[in-house]
Amino acid sequence: MAAQKVPTIIVTAEHLLIGEVETRGSRLLEVITDPHSEFLHLYEAHVSRREAKSKQLVALPEAIVRKTEICLAVLGGGKHESPETRRFAFVDKKSYAAFAIVAGYEVRGRLQLKGASDPVSALTHEIQGFMPLTQATLGHPSDHGEPLLAAVALCNREYISLLHIGGEQ
C-alpha cells in the first residue's frame, strides 16, 4: 500500500509538533491507537513551545513521539484522510454537540456515540484512548488569534479535564 501522509498537529504537555504522519491508508485515529507501536512517526516536524507557538525551536526531517505523551492530535488538510476506509467501516452512531477541555485547550465539535450521551458512560465505556471530535474548533487562553478549525481533533481520554455532551444533532 502506498505511503500516505496527512498533515497533523500534535499537542504535548509543553510543545506543539507540526508535521506529517504516515497513515498507509488508515485513519489517523487508527495509527495513534495501534497497539503494536508505542511511537508515532512525524515527518517534516516543526517544534515549538505551546506558549510561543509562532517561534519555531527546531525543524526536523523525522522524529518519533511517544503516543502516551500526546494530549491532542489535530488532523490538518480540511478533509477526511481515508474516505475509502470510512465508507466500508460505517457504524451507526448518533451525533452530539460536545465541548471538552483537553490539556488546557477548549475543543468544540461533534461527538459520535453508539450508546447514551452520558459523559461518564462515554468516557468509561465507549471512548478508548482517544475521543474524536469532528468539525472541531480549538482555542487556548494564551491564543490571541483566531481559533483553529479542524476536520478532526483526537482528544486523549487521559487529558480530558472537562466534557460536556449536548443535544443530538
N, C-alpha and C. Protein backbone atom coordinates (compact mmCIF):
# COMPACT_ATOMS: atom_id res chain seq x y z
N MET A 1 0.85 -1.18 0.00
CA MET A 1 0.00 0.00 0.00
C MET A 1 0.89 1.23 0.00
N ALA A 2 0.47 2.25 -0.70
CA ALA A 2 1.26 3.48 -0.83
C ALA A 2 1.38 4.21 0.51
N ALA A 3 2.52 4.88 0.65
CA ALA A 3 2.76 5.65 1.87
C ALA A 3 1.98 6.95 1.77
N GLN A 4 0.91 7.06 2.51
CA GLN A 4 0.09 8.26 2.52
C GLN A 4 0.38 9.02 3.80
N LYS A 5 0.61 10.33 3.68
CA LYS A 5 0.89 11.15 4.85
C LYS A 5 -0.18 12.22 4.98
N VAL A 6 -0.56 12.49 6.24
CA VAL A 6 -1.56 13.53 6.49
C VAL A 6 -0.95 14.60 7.38
N PRO A 7 -1.26 15.87 7.11
CA PRO A 7 -0.77 16.93 7.98
C PRO A 7 -1.42 16.82 9.35
N THR A 8 -0.59 16.96 10.39
CA THR A 8 -1.05 16.73 11.76
C THR A 8 -0.38 17.71 12.71
N ILE A 9 -1.15 18.17 13.69
CA ILE A 9 -0.61 18.96 14.79
C ILE A 9 -0.74 18.10 16.04
N ILE A 10 0.38 17.88 16.71
CA ILE A 10 0.40 17.11 17.95
C ILE A 10 0.63 18.07 19.10
N VAL A 11 -0.20 17.97 20.14
CA VAL A 11 -0.03 18.78 21.34
C VAL A 11 0.43 17.86 22.46
N THR A 12 1.58 18.22 23.07
CA THR A 12 2.04 17.51 24.26
C THR A 12 1.90 18.48 25.44
N ALA A 13 2.35 18.08 26.59
CA ALA A 13 2.20 18.93 27.78
C ALA A 13 2.86 20.29 27.60
N GLU A 14 3.98 20.36 26.91
CA GLU A 14 4.72 21.61 26.79
C GLU A 14 4.97 22.09 25.37
N HIS A 15 4.73 21.23 24.36
CA HIS A 15 5.13 21.58 23.00
C HIS A 15 4.04 21.33 21.97
N LEU A 16 4.19 22.03 20.83
CA LEU A 16 3.39 21.78 19.64
C LEU A 16 4.31 21.17 18.60
N LEU A 17 3.89 20.09 17.99
CA LEU A 17 4.66 19.39 16.98
C LEU A 17 3.82 19.38 15.71
N ILE A 18 4.30 20.04 14.69
CA ILE A 18 3.54 20.16 13.45
C ILE A 18 4.31 19.42 12.36
N GLY A 19 3.63 18.52 11.67
CA GLY A 19 4.29 17.76 10.62
C GLY A 19 3.31 16.86 9.90
N GLU A 20 3.83 15.76 9.39
CA GLU A 20 3.02 14.80 8.66
C GLU A 20 3.17 13.42 9.29
N VAL A 21 2.06 12.70 9.36
CA VAL A 21 2.06 11.34 9.88
C VAL A 21 1.72 10.40 8.74
N GLU A 22 2.53 9.35 8.59
CA GLU A 22 2.27 8.35 7.56
C GLU A 22 1.15 7.44 8.03
N THR A 23 0.10 7.33 7.21
CA THR A 23 -1.07 6.54 7.62
C THR A 23 -1.25 5.26 6.82
N ARG A 24 -0.65 5.17 5.64
CA ARG A 24 -0.78 3.98 4.76
C ARG A 24 -2.24 3.60 4.53
N GLY A 25 -3.08 4.61 4.33
CA GLY A 25 -4.49 4.36 4.03
C GLY A 25 -5.39 4.18 5.24
N SER A 26 -4.82 4.19 6.44
CA SER A 26 -5.63 4.09 7.66
C SER A 26 -6.01 5.50 8.12
N ARG A 27 -6.91 5.55 9.08
CA ARG A 27 -7.25 6.83 9.68
C ARG A 27 -6.19 7.19 10.72
N LEU A 28 -6.02 8.49 10.97
CA LEU A 28 -5.07 8.95 11.98
C LEU A 28 -5.38 8.32 13.33
N LEU A 29 -6.66 8.21 13.68
CA LEU A 29 -7.05 7.58 14.95
C LEU A 29 -6.53 6.15 15.04
N GLU A 30 -6.61 5.40 13.97
CA GLU A 30 -6.14 4.01 13.97
C GLU A 30 -4.62 3.94 14.12
N VAL A 31 -3.91 4.88 13.52
CA VAL A 31 -2.44 4.91 13.63
C VAL A 31 -2.05 5.23 15.07
N ILE A 32 -2.71 6.20 15.67
CA ILE A 32 -2.37 6.61 17.04
C ILE A 32 -2.71 5.53 18.06
N THR A 33 -3.80 4.81 17.83
CA THR A 33 -4.22 3.79 18.80
C THR A 33 -3.72 2.39 18.46
N ASP A 34 -2.89 2.25 17.45
CA ASP A 34 -2.35 0.95 17.08
C ASP A 34 -1.58 0.35 18.26
N PRO A 35 -2.02 -0.78 18.79
CA PRO A 35 -1.37 -1.37 19.98
C PRO A 35 0.00 -1.98 19.69
N HIS A 36 0.38 -2.09 18.42
CA HIS A 36 1.64 -2.72 18.06
C HIS A 36 2.82 -1.75 18.05
N SER A 37 2.53 -0.47 18.34
CA SER A 37 3.61 0.53 18.37
C SER A 37 3.32 1.54 19.45
N GLU A 38 4.33 1.88 20.23
CA GLU A 38 4.16 2.91 21.25
C GLU A 38 4.65 4.27 20.77
N PHE A 39 5.08 4.34 19.50
CA PHE A 39 5.60 5.59 18.95
C PHE A 39 4.85 5.98 17.69
N LEU A 40 4.78 7.28 17.45
CA LEU A 40 4.19 7.85 16.25
C LEU A 40 5.31 8.52 15.47
N HIS A 41 5.45 8.20 14.20
CA HIS A 41 6.48 8.82 13.36
C HIS A 41 5.94 10.12 12.78
N LEU A 42 6.68 11.20 12.99
CA LEU A 42 6.30 12.52 12.49
C LEU A 42 7.36 12.96 11.50
N TYR A 43 6.95 13.32 10.30
CA TYR A 43 7.86 13.74 9.24
C TYR A 43 7.75 15.24 9.02
N GLU A 44 8.87 15.85 8.60
CA GLU A 44 8.92 17.30 8.36
C GLU A 44 8.38 18.04 9.58
N ALA A 45 8.89 17.68 10.73
CA ALA A 45 8.38 18.18 12.01
C ALA A 45 8.91 19.58 12.34
N HIS A 46 8.02 20.43 12.77
CA HIS A 46 8.36 21.75 13.28
C HIS A 46 7.97 21.75 14.75
N VAL A 47 8.91 22.07 15.62
CA VAL A 47 8.69 22.01 17.06
C VAL A 47 8.68 23.42 17.63
N SER A 48 7.67 23.70 18.45
CA SER A 48 7.62 24.99 19.16
C SER A 48 7.06 24.76 20.55
N ARG A 49 7.28 25.73 21.43
CA ARG A 49 6.68 25.66 22.76
C ARG A 49 5.23 26.10 22.66
N ARG A 50 4.38 25.54 23.52
CA ARG A 50 2.96 25.89 23.48
C ARG A 50 2.72 27.36 23.71
N GLU A 51 3.47 27.97 24.62
CA GLU A 51 3.23 29.39 24.92
C GLU A 51 3.80 30.33 23.87
N ALA A 52 4.61 29.81 22.95
CA ALA A 52 5.19 30.63 21.88
C ALA A 52 5.13 29.85 20.58
N LYS A 53 3.91 29.51 20.16
CA LYS A 53 3.75 28.61 19.03
C LYS A 53 4.27 29.15 17.71
N SER A 54 4.37 30.47 17.56
CA SER A 54 4.86 31.02 16.31
C SER A 54 6.39 31.03 16.24
N LYS A 55 7.06 30.75 17.34
CA LYS A 55 8.52 30.74 17.37
C LYS A 55 9.01 29.28 17.31
N GLN A 56 9.50 28.89 16.15
CA GLN A 56 9.97 27.53 15.94
C GLN A 56 11.28 27.29 16.66
N LEU A 57 11.34 26.21 17.44
CA LEU A 57 12.58 25.83 18.11
C LEU A 57 13.52 25.09 17.17
N VAL A 58 12.95 24.15 16.40
CA VAL A 58 13.75 23.32 15.52
C VAL A 58 12.85 22.72 14.44
N ALA A 59 13.45 22.48 13.28
CA ALA A 59 12.77 21.74 12.21
C ALA A 59 13.53 20.42 12.03
N LEU A 60 12.79 19.33 11.97
CA LEU A 60 13.40 18.01 11.88
C LEU A 60 12.81 17.23 10.71
N PRO A 61 13.64 16.54 9.94
CA PRO A 61 13.09 15.77 8.83
C PRO A 61 12.23 14.59 9.29
N GLU A 62 12.57 14.03 10.45
CA GLU A 62 11.81 12.91 11.00
C GLU A 62 12.03 12.86 12.50
N ALA A 63 10.99 12.52 13.23
CA ALA A 63 11.09 12.36 14.68
C ALA A 63 10.02 11.35 15.11
N ILE A 64 10.20 10.81 16.31
CA ILE A 64 9.17 9.94 16.87
C ILE A 64 8.60 10.61 18.11
N VAL A 65 7.34 10.33 18.36
CA VAL A 65 6.63 10.87 19.52
C VAL A 65 6.08 9.68 20.30
N ARG A 66 6.29 9.68 21.59
CA ARG A 66 5.72 8.63 22.42
C ARG A 66 4.20 8.87 22.48
N LYS A 67 3.42 7.89 22.08
CA LYS A 67 1.97 8.04 21.99
C LYS A 67 1.32 8.41 23.32
N THR A 68 1.85 7.91 24.42
CA THR A 68 1.26 8.21 25.72
C THR A 68 1.41 9.67 26.10
N GLU A 69 2.30 10.40 25.43
CA GLU A 69 2.52 11.82 25.73
C GLU A 69 1.67 12.75 24.87
N ILE A 70 0.91 12.19 23.94
CA ILE A 70 0.06 13.00 23.07
C ILE A 70 -1.21 13.38 23.83
N CYS A 71 -1.40 14.67 24.04
CA CYS A 71 -2.62 15.17 24.69
C CYS A 71 -3.74 15.32 23.66
N LEU A 72 -3.36 15.80 22.49
CA LEU A 72 -4.33 16.16 21.46
C LEU A 72 -3.64 16.01 20.12
N ALA A 73 -4.33 15.46 19.14
CA ALA A 73 -3.82 15.36 17.78
C ALA A 73 -4.88 15.97 16.87
N VAL A 74 -4.45 16.89 16.03
CA VAL A 74 -5.38 17.60 15.17
C VAL A 74 -5.05 17.27 13.72
N LEU A 75 -6.05 16.78 13.00
CA LEU A 75 -5.90 16.45 11.60
C LEU A 75 -5.98 17.73 10.78
N GLY A 76 -4.96 17.98 9.99
CA GLY A 76 -4.97 19.14 9.09
C GLY A 76 -5.51 18.76 7.74
N GLY A 77 -5.55 19.71 6.84
CA GLY A 77 -5.95 19.42 5.47
C GLY A 77 -7.42 19.60 5.18
N GLY A 78 -8.27 19.69 6.18
CA GLY A 78 -9.67 20.01 5.99
C GLY A 78 -10.55 18.93 5.40
N LYS A 79 -10.04 17.70 5.20
CA LYS A 79 -10.89 16.63 4.68
C LYS A 79 -10.54 15.33 5.38
N HIS A 80 -11.43 14.35 5.22
CA HIS A 80 -11.18 13.05 5.85
C HIS A 80 -9.97 12.41 5.19
N GLU A 81 -9.08 11.84 6.00
CA GLU A 81 -7.82 11.34 5.48
C GLU A 81 -7.92 9.97 4.81
N SER A 82 -9.01 9.26 5.00
CA SER A 82 -9.13 7.93 4.39
C SER A 82 -10.59 7.63 4.05
N PRO A 83 -11.14 8.29 3.02
CA PRO A 83 -12.55 8.09 2.71
C PRO A 83 -12.91 6.66 2.33
N GLU A 84 -11.96 5.91 1.73
CA GLU A 84 -12.26 4.52 1.34
C GLU A 84 -12.53 3.67 2.58
N THR A 85 -11.68 3.82 3.59
CA THR A 85 -11.84 3.06 4.83
C THR A 85 -13.15 3.44 5.51
N ARG A 86 -13.44 4.73 5.52
CA ARG A 86 -14.64 5.22 6.18
C ARG A 86 -15.90 4.62 5.55
N ARG A 87 -15.92 4.52 4.22
CA ARG A 87 -17.09 4.02 3.51
C ARG A 87 -17.41 2.58 3.89
N PHE A 88 -16.38 1.75 4.10
CA PHE A 88 -16.59 0.34 4.37
C PHE A 88 -16.59 0.00 5.85
N ALA A 89 -16.38 0.99 6.70
CA ALA A 89 -16.34 0.74 8.14
C ALA A 89 -17.45 1.52 8.86
N PHE A 90 -18.56 1.73 8.18
CA PHE A 90 -19.65 2.52 8.76
C PHE A 90 -20.27 1.80 9.95
N VAL A 91 -20.44 2.55 11.04
CA VAL A 91 -21.14 2.06 12.22
C VAL A 91 -22.19 3.12 12.56
N ASP A 92 -23.42 2.70 12.76
CA ASP A 92 -24.50 3.64 13.05
C ASP A 92 -24.29 4.26 14.42
N LYS A 93 -24.13 5.58 14.44
CA LYS A 93 -23.92 6.32 15.68
C LYS A 93 -24.76 7.58 15.63
N LYS A 94 -25.04 8.11 16.81
CA LYS A 94 -25.73 9.40 16.92
C LYS A 94 -24.68 10.48 17.09
N SER A 95 -24.97 11.66 16.56
CA SER A 95 -24.03 12.78 16.62
C SER A 95 -24.52 13.80 17.64
N TYR A 96 -23.60 14.23 18.51
CA TYR A 96 -23.92 15.18 19.57
C TYR A 96 -22.96 16.37 19.52
N ALA A 97 -23.46 17.53 19.89
CA ALA A 97 -22.58 18.67 20.10
C ALA A 97 -21.77 18.36 21.36
N ALA A 98 -20.48 18.72 21.35
CA ALA A 98 -19.65 18.43 22.51
C ALA A 98 -18.67 19.57 22.76
N PHE A 99 -18.31 19.72 24.03
CA PHE A 99 -17.30 20.69 24.44
C PHE A 99 -16.39 19.98 25.43
N ALA A 100 -15.08 20.11 25.23
CA ALA A 100 -14.13 19.47 26.13
C ALA A 100 -12.97 20.42 26.41
N ILE A 101 -12.40 20.30 27.58
CA ILE A 101 -11.14 20.96 27.88
C ILE A 101 -10.10 19.85 27.93
N VAL A 102 -9.12 19.95 27.05
CA VAL A 102 -8.10 18.91 26.90
C VAL A 102 -6.73 19.57 27.03
N ALA A 103 -6.04 19.30 28.11
CA ALA A 103 -4.70 19.84 28.36
C ALA A 103 -4.68 21.36 28.17
N GLY A 104 -5.72 22.02 28.65
CA GLY A 104 -5.80 23.47 28.57
C GLY A 104 -6.45 24.01 27.31
N TYR A 105 -6.67 23.18 26.30
CA TYR A 105 -7.31 23.61 25.06
C TYR A 105 -8.82 23.43 25.17
N GLU A 106 -9.56 24.41 24.66
CA GLU A 106 -11.02 24.33 24.61
C GLU A 106 -11.39 23.80 23.24
N VAL A 107 -12.05 22.65 23.22
CA VAL A 107 -12.36 21.98 21.96
C VAL A 107 -13.87 21.83 21.83
N ARG A 108 -14.41 22.37 20.75
CA ARG A 108 -15.83 22.22 20.42
C ARG A 108 -15.93 21.41 19.14
N GLY A 109 -16.95 20.57 19.07
CA GLY A 109 -17.14 19.79 17.85
C GLY A 109 -18.30 18.84 17.98
N ARG A 110 -18.29 17.86 17.11
CA ARG A 110 -19.34 16.83 17.11
C ARG A 110 -18.73 15.51 17.57
N LEU A 111 -19.45 14.86 18.46
CA LEU A 111 -19.03 13.57 19.01
C LEU A 111 -20.03 12.52 18.57
N GLN A 112 -19.54 11.44 17.98
CA GLN A 112 -20.41 10.34 17.56
C GLN A 112 -20.34 9.23 18.59
N LEU A 113 -21.53 8.82 19.07
CA LEU A 113 -21.61 7.77 20.08
C LEU A 113 -22.60 6.70 19.65
N LYS A 114 -22.28 5.45 20.00
CA LYS A 114 -23.22 4.35 19.76
C LYS A 114 -24.25 4.30 20.86
N GLY A 115 -23.81 4.60 22.09
CA GLY A 115 -24.68 4.47 23.25
C GLY A 115 -25.26 5.79 23.71
N ALA A 116 -25.50 5.87 25.01
CA ALA A 116 -26.13 7.04 25.62
C ALA A 116 -25.20 8.25 25.59
N SER A 117 -25.77 9.43 25.72
CA SER A 117 -25.00 10.66 25.67
C SER A 117 -24.49 11.09 27.05
N ASP A 118 -24.49 10.19 28.00
CA ASP A 118 -23.98 10.49 29.33
C ASP A 118 -22.46 10.57 29.28
N PRO A 119 -21.85 11.71 29.71
CA PRO A 119 -20.40 11.86 29.62
C PRO A 119 -19.61 10.81 30.41
N VAL A 120 -20.08 10.43 31.59
CA VAL A 120 -19.36 9.44 32.38
C VAL A 120 -19.38 8.09 31.67
N SER A 121 -20.53 7.70 31.17
CA SER A 121 -20.64 6.44 30.44
C SER A 121 -19.78 6.47 29.19
N ALA A 122 -19.79 7.59 28.47
CA ALA A 122 -18.98 7.70 27.25
C ALA A 122 -17.50 7.56 27.56
N LEU A 123 -17.02 8.24 28.61
CA LEU A 123 -15.59 8.19 28.94
C LEU A 123 -15.16 6.86 29.54
N THR A 124 -16.05 6.18 30.23
CA THR A 124 -15.64 4.94 30.89
C THR A 124 -15.91 3.70 30.05
N HIS A 125 -16.89 3.75 29.13
CA HIS A 125 -17.23 2.54 28.39
C HIS A 125 -17.00 2.64 26.88
N GLU A 126 -17.31 3.78 26.30
CA GLU A 126 -17.29 3.85 24.83
C GLU A 126 -15.99 4.41 24.27
N ILE A 127 -15.41 5.37 24.93
CA ILE A 127 -14.20 6.02 24.41
C ILE A 127 -12.98 5.32 24.98
N GLN A 128 -12.21 4.74 24.10
CA GLN A 128 -10.99 4.05 24.49
C GLN A 128 -9.80 4.80 23.91
N GLY A 129 -8.96 5.35 24.73
CA GLY A 129 -7.75 6.03 24.24
C GLY A 129 -8.00 7.45 23.80
N PHE A 130 -8.48 7.64 22.58
CA PHE A 130 -8.67 8.98 22.03
C PHE A 130 -10.12 9.18 21.61
N MET A 131 -10.66 10.34 21.93
CA MET A 131 -12.02 10.71 21.58
C MET A 131 -11.99 11.62 20.36
N PRO A 132 -12.53 11.18 19.23
CA PRO A 132 -12.53 12.04 18.05
C PRO A 132 -13.70 13.02 18.07
N LEU A 133 -13.39 14.30 17.91
CA LEU A 133 -14.41 15.33 17.71
C LEU A 133 -14.26 15.84 16.29
N THR A 134 -15.31 15.73 15.51
CA THR A 134 -15.28 16.20 14.13
C THR A 134 -15.77 17.64 14.07
N GLN A 135 -15.49 18.29 12.94
CA GLN A 135 -15.85 19.70 12.74
C GLN A 135 -15.44 20.51 13.97
N ALA A 136 -14.19 20.33 14.36
CA ALA A 136 -13.70 20.87 15.63
C ALA A 136 -13.21 22.31 15.51
N THR A 137 -13.38 23.03 16.61
CA THR A 137 -12.82 24.36 16.80
C THR A 137 -12.02 24.32 18.07
N LEU A 138 -10.74 24.72 17.99
CA LEU A 138 -9.85 24.68 19.15
C LEU A 138 -9.40 26.08 19.52
N GLY A 139 -9.42 26.35 20.81
CA GLY A 139 -8.92 27.61 21.32
C GLY A 139 -8.10 27.36 22.57
N HIS A 140 -7.28 28.34 22.92
CA HIS A 140 -6.44 28.24 24.11
C HIS A 140 -6.40 29.62 24.75
N PRO A 141 -6.42 29.71 26.09
CA PRO A 141 -6.41 31.01 26.75
C PRO A 141 -5.24 31.91 26.34
N SER A 142 -4.11 31.32 25.98
CA SER A 142 -2.96 32.15 25.60
C SER A 142 -2.99 32.57 24.13
N ASP A 143 -3.92 32.01 23.35
CA ASP A 143 -4.03 32.40 21.94
C ASP A 143 -4.67 33.76 21.83
N HIS A 144 -4.09 34.59 20.98
CA HIS A 144 -4.66 35.91 20.76
C HIS A 144 -5.27 36.02 19.38
N GLY A 145 -5.17 34.97 18.60
CA GLY A 145 -5.68 34.99 17.24
C GLY A 145 -6.98 34.23 17.13
N GLU A 146 -7.27 33.87 15.90
CA GLU A 146 -8.47 33.11 15.60
C GLU A 146 -8.34 31.68 16.12
N PRO A 147 -9.46 31.07 16.48
CA PRO A 147 -9.39 29.66 16.88
C PRO A 147 -9.02 28.79 15.68
N LEU A 148 -8.46 27.64 15.95
CA LEU A 148 -8.06 26.70 14.91
C LEU A 148 -9.27 25.84 14.54
N LEU A 149 -9.55 25.74 13.24
CA LEU A 149 -10.62 24.88 12.74
C LEU A 149 -9.99 23.61 12.20
N ALA A 150 -10.57 22.47 12.52
CA ALA A 150 -10.01 21.20 12.10
C ALA A 150 -11.11 20.22 11.73
N ALA A 151 -10.83 19.36 10.75
CA ALA A 151 -11.77 18.32 10.38
C ALA A 151 -11.98 17.36 11.54
N VAL A 152 -10.87 17.00 12.22
CA VAL A 152 -10.93 16.08 13.35
C VAL A 152 -9.91 16.48 14.41
N ALA A 153 -10.34 16.48 15.67
CA ALA A 153 -9.43 16.64 16.80
C ALA A 153 -9.54 15.38 17.64
N LEU A 154 -8.40 14.72 17.85
CA LEU A 154 -8.37 13.48 18.64
C LEU A 154 -7.91 13.83 20.04
N CYS A 155 -8.81 13.70 21.00
CA CYS A 155 -8.55 14.11 22.39
C CYS A 155 -8.19 12.89 23.23
N ASN A 156 -6.99 12.90 23.78
CA ASN A 156 -6.56 11.79 24.63
C ASN A 156 -7.42 11.78 25.89
N ARG A 157 -8.08 10.67 26.11
CA ARG A 157 -9.01 10.50 27.23
C ARG A 157 -8.35 10.85 28.57
N GLU A 158 -7.07 10.56 28.70
CA GLU A 158 -6.34 10.81 29.95
C GLU A 158 -6.12 12.30 30.23
N TYR A 159 -6.26 13.15 29.21
CA TYR A 159 -6.02 14.59 29.38
C TYR A 159 -7.30 15.41 29.32
N ILE A 160 -8.46 14.75 29.28
CA ILE A 160 -9.74 15.46 29.27
C ILE A 160 -10.09 15.82 30.71
N SER A 161 -10.10 17.13 31.00
CA SER A 161 -10.44 17.56 32.35
C SER A 161 -11.91 17.95 32.48
N LEU A 162 -12.57 18.24 31.35
CA LEU A 162 -13.98 18.59 31.37
C LEU A 162 -14.60 18.08 30.08
N LEU A 163 -15.79 17.50 30.17
CA LEU A 163 -16.52 17.06 28.99
C LEU A 163 -17.99 17.37 29.17
N HIS A 164 -18.56 18.02 28.16
CA HIS A 164 -20.00 18.26 28.10
C HIS A 164 -20.51 17.68 26.79
N ILE A 165 -21.54 16.88 26.87
CA ILE A 165 -22.18 16.35 25.67
C ILE A 165 -23.56 16.97 25.59
N GLY A 166 -23.79 17.74 24.53
CA GLY A 166 -25.05 18.46 24.36
C GLY A 166 -26.09 17.63 23.62
N GLY A 167 -26.99 18.35 22.99
CA GLY A 167 -28.09 17.70 22.29
C GLY A 167 -27.66 16.99 21.03
N GLU A 168 -28.52 16.05 20.64
CA GLU A 168 -28.28 15.29 19.42
C GLU A 168 -28.42 16.21 18.22
N GLN A 169 -27.55 16.04 17.24
CA GLN A 169 -27.58 16.90 16.04
C GLN A 169 -27.91 16.07 14.82
